[in-house]
Every structure is written in C-alpha cells, then in structure tokens.
N, C-alpha and C. Protein backbone atom coordinates (compact mmCIF):
# COMPACT_ATOMS: atom_id res chain seq x y z
N MET A 1 19.17 -24.43 31.95
CA MET A 1 20.14 -23.58 30.58
C MET A 1 21.13 -23.21 31.07
N ASN A 2 22.39 -23.48 30.84
CA ASN A 2 23.37 -23.26 30.94
C ASN A 2 24.15 -21.26 30.21
N ALA A 3 25.47 -20.97 30.12
CA ALA A 3 25.38 -19.75 29.89
C ALA A 3 25.76 -20.23 28.33
N THR A 4 26.45 -21.19 28.01
CA THR A 4 26.61 -21.62 26.33
C THR A 4 25.50 -21.65 25.83
N ASP A 5 24.29 -22.21 26.31
CA ASP A 5 23.37 -22.67 25.42
C ASP A 5 22.12 -21.05 25.28
N ARG A 6 22.15 -20.11 26.15
CA ARG A 6 21.25 -18.88 26.03
C ARG A 6 22.18 -18.68 24.67
N HIS A 7 23.11 -18.62 24.05
CA HIS A 7 23.58 -18.12 23.04
C HIS A 7 23.15 -18.27 21.41
N LYS A 8 23.03 -19.80 22.08
CA LYS A 8 22.36 -20.79 20.87
C LYS A 8 21.13 -20.45 20.37
N HIS A 9 20.47 -20.18 19.18
CA HIS A 9 19.20 -20.20 19.06
C HIS A 9 18.99 -20.85 17.70
N THR A 10 17.51 -21.13 17.27
CA THR A 10 17.14 -21.24 16.21
C THR A 10 16.02 -20.50 16.06
N ASP A 11 15.54 -20.57 14.58
CA ASP A 11 13.91 -19.99 14.30
C ASP A 11 12.67 -20.23 15.55
N ALA A 12 12.48 -21.59 15.89
CA ALA A 12 11.76 -21.84 16.85
C ALA A 12 12.07 -20.97 18.13
N HIS A 13 13.26 -20.91 18.23
CA HIS A 13 13.69 -20.36 19.96
C HIS A 13 14.72 -19.04 19.13
N PRO A 14 14.39 -17.95 19.24
CA PRO A 14 15.30 -16.80 18.91
C PRO A 14 16.06 -16.85 20.05
N ALA A 15 16.95 -15.95 20.17
CA ALA A 15 17.98 -15.62 21.08
C ALA A 15 17.53 -14.70 22.04
N GLU A 16 17.66 -14.70 23.30
CA GLU A 16 16.82 -13.65 24.23
C GLU A 16 18.31 -12.81 24.92
N LEU A 17 17.91 -11.59 24.80
CA LEU A 17 19.16 -10.89 25.58
C LEU A 17 18.67 -10.30 26.94
N THR A 18 19.49 -10.32 27.66
CA THR A 18 19.13 -9.76 28.95
C THR A 18 19.28 -8.31 28.83
N PRO A 19 18.87 -7.45 29.93
CA PRO A 19 18.84 -6.01 30.16
C PRO A 19 20.25 -5.50 29.61
N THR A 20 21.16 -6.48 30.42
CA THR A 20 22.51 -5.84 30.74
C THR A 20 23.18 -6.10 28.94
N GLU A 21 23.11 -7.09 28.40
CA GLU A 21 23.51 -7.57 27.15
C GLU A 21 23.24 -6.10 26.20
N ALA A 22 21.80 -5.89 26.15
CA ALA A 22 21.08 -5.11 25.13
C ALA A 22 21.67 -3.82 25.16
N ARG A 23 22.36 -3.30 26.63
CA ARG A 23 22.71 -2.19 26.80
C ARG A 23 24.20 -2.06 26.61
N GLN A 24 25.01 -2.90 25.97
CA GLN A 24 26.61 -2.73 25.80
C GLN A 24 26.78 -2.20 24.36
N ALA A 25 27.57 -1.38 24.22
CA ALA A 25 27.82 -0.57 23.25
C ALA A 25 29.16 -0.51 22.92
N SER A 26 29.80 -0.46 21.55
CA SER A 26 30.58 -0.69 20.91
C SER A 26 31.63 0.44 21.56
N ASN A 27 32.70 -0.12 21.58
CA ASN A 27 33.86 0.76 22.81
C ASN A 27 34.85 1.80 21.63
N ARG A 28 34.48 1.61 20.34
CA ARG A 28 34.97 2.27 19.26
C ARG A 28 34.68 3.50 19.48
N PRO A 29 33.35 3.51 19.33
CA PRO A 29 32.53 5.01 19.14
C PRO A 29 32.79 5.97 20.24
N MET A 30 32.50 5.19 21.25
CA MET A 30 32.66 5.95 22.70
C MET A 30 34.03 6.65 22.69
N THR A 31 35.13 5.88 22.68
CA THR A 31 36.64 6.41 22.35
C THR A 31 36.85 7.38 21.86
N LEU A 32 36.25 7.25 20.47
CA LEU A 32 36.52 8.14 19.50
C LEU A 32 35.92 9.66 19.96
N ARG A 33 34.56 9.78 20.55
CA ARG A 33 33.55 10.80 20.82
C ARG A 33 34.92 11.59 22.22
N VAL A 34 35.36 10.49 23.08
CA VAL A 34 36.12 11.49 24.36
C VAL A 34 36.98 11.54 23.80
N LEU A 35 38.05 11.17 23.03
CA LEU A 35 39.13 11.73 22.17
C LEU A 35 38.66 13.04 21.49
N VAL A 36 37.75 13.36 20.74
CA VAL A 36 37.49 14.34 19.93
C VAL A 36 36.80 15.44 20.96
N ILE A 37 36.28 14.99 22.09
CA ILE A 37 35.76 15.83 23.17
C ILE A 37 36.88 16.69 23.57
N GLY A 38 38.08 15.47 24.06
CA GLY A 38 38.62 15.91 25.05
C GLY A 38 40.09 16.99 24.59
N THR A 39 40.27 16.64 23.10
CA THR A 39 40.88 17.69 22.31
C THR A 39 40.40 18.98 22.07
N CYS A 40 39.32 19.04 21.82
CA CYS A 40 38.67 20.29 21.69
C CYS A 40 38.70 20.95 22.95
N LEU A 41 38.33 20.67 23.96
CA LEU A 41 38.26 21.26 25.37
C LEU A 41 39.85 21.52 25.72
N VAL A 42 40.70 20.82 25.42
CA VAL A 42 42.17 21.18 25.39
C VAL A 42 42.57 22.23 24.37
N ILE A 43 42.04 22.50 23.50
CA ILE A 43 42.67 23.30 22.55
C ILE A 43 41.70 24.76 22.79
N LEU A 44 40.58 24.64 23.47
CA LEU A 44 39.89 25.95 24.29
C LEU A 44 40.58 26.49 25.38
N ALA A 45 41.01 25.68 26.08
CA ALA A 45 41.69 25.88 27.38
C ALA A 45 43.31 26.58 26.85
N GLY A 46 43.53 26.25 25.86
CA GLY A 46 44.86 26.68 25.56
C GLY A 46 44.70 28.24 24.91
N LEU A 47 44.03 28.24 24.07
CA LEU A 47 43.36 29.65 23.83
C LEU A 47 43.27 30.55 24.78
N ALA A 48 42.00 29.94 25.59
CA ALA A 48 41.80 31.01 26.55
C ALA A 48 43.30 31.36 27.43
N VAL A 49 43.98 30.73 27.78
CA VAL A 49 45.31 31.08 28.47
C VAL A 49 46.15 31.86 27.75
N GLY A 50 46.49 31.77 26.64
CA GLY A 50 46.85 32.14 24.89
C GLY A 50 46.48 33.75 25.24
N ALA A 51 45.00 33.89 25.25
CA ALA A 51 44.34 34.72 24.69
C ALA A 51 44.44 35.60 26.06
N TYR A 52 44.61 35.45 27.44
CA TYR A 52 44.64 36.11 28.72
C TYR A 52 46.37 36.75 28.54
N PHE A 53 47.08 36.22 28.43
CA PHE A 53 48.40 36.77 28.25
C PHE A 53 49.10 37.42 27.35
N TYR A 54 48.08 37.20 26.02
CA TYR A 54 48.47 38.11 24.64
C TYR A 54 47.60 39.34 24.65
N VAL A 55 46.54 39.36 24.95
CA VAL A 55 45.66 40.88 25.06
C VAL A 55 46.18 41.72 25.72
N PRO A 56 46.43 42.88 25.43
CA PRO A 56 46.95 44.15 26.35
C PRO A 56 45.74 44.33 27.31
N SER A 57 46.01 44.36 28.84
CA SER A 57 45.39 45.43 29.81
C SER A 57 46.10 46.37 30.16
N ASP A 58 44.73 47.75 30.28
CA ASP A 58 44.90 48.90 31.06
C ASP A 58 45.65 48.83 32.33
N ASN A 59 45.95 47.59 32.96
CA ASN A 59 46.15 47.45 34.50
C ASN A 59 47.50 47.36 34.43
N ARG A 60 48.22 46.93 33.45
CA ARG A 60 49.56 46.76 33.45
C ARG A 60 50.16 47.62 33.31
N PRO A 61 51.33 47.74 33.67
CA PRO A 61 52.41 49.14 33.41
C PRO A 61 52.84 49.30 31.85
N ALA A 62 53.07 50.31 31.33
CA ALA A 62 53.55 50.25 29.83
C ALA A 62 55.46 50.38 30.17
N VAL A 63 55.69 49.40 29.20
CA VAL A 63 57.45 49.65 29.42
C VAL A 63 57.83 50.95 28.96
N GLN A 64 58.49 51.56 29.56
CA GLN A 64 58.91 52.98 29.36
C GLN A 64 60.36 52.40 28.14
N SER A 65 60.47 53.83 27.64
CA SER A 65 61.54 53.83 27.11
C SER A 65 62.55 54.08 27.32
N ALA A 66 63.53 54.28 26.60
CA ALA A 66 64.88 54.48 27.23
C ALA A 66 65.16 55.90 27.70
N PRO A 67 65.70 56.70 28.31
CA PRO A 67 65.59 58.05 28.41
C PRO A 67 66.45 58.90 27.61
N PRO A 68 66.03 60.13 27.41
CA PRO A 68 66.67 60.85 25.93
C PRO A 68 68.05 61.09 26.21
N ARG A 69 68.83 61.24 24.83
CA ARG A 69 70.16 61.36 25.34
C ARG A 69 70.62 63.06 25.78
N PRO A 70 71.46 63.53 26.29
CA PRO A 70 71.62 64.70 26.65
C PRO A 70 72.35 65.63 25.38
C-alpha cells in the first residue's frame, strides 16, 4: 500500500489513521491562544512596571519646594 492509497477508503475498508495523524491539531486555535496569552502577559508586565514607577515609596526623597523669599 502506498501513501496515496492509505487515504482512500470505502465502507468496507474505513480509513485508518496513524497515531501521528490523529494527534494533529488545527493551527488556527493554537495560534489564537498563543496570541491572547502573550498579549495578556505583556499587558500585565506593563502594568507591573507602571505601578512600580507610579506608586510613591517612603524610601524616595521628597521634592523640596523653593526656599522662602526674604
């Protein structure tokens, strides 16, 4: 049996899939999943960095105002 005959089937001889063929998935859902998860991780990382620089800390020196006028 050659490779092209393996995919031709009748009711008497149904198609047989190899384990590798049976595990093949559609690329579109996986691509969308990777895109959505990656975008969420980038947004979370951006929020974490923004919060680090936006939230005031007790360890940072305060900005002093101008000295009083005489």
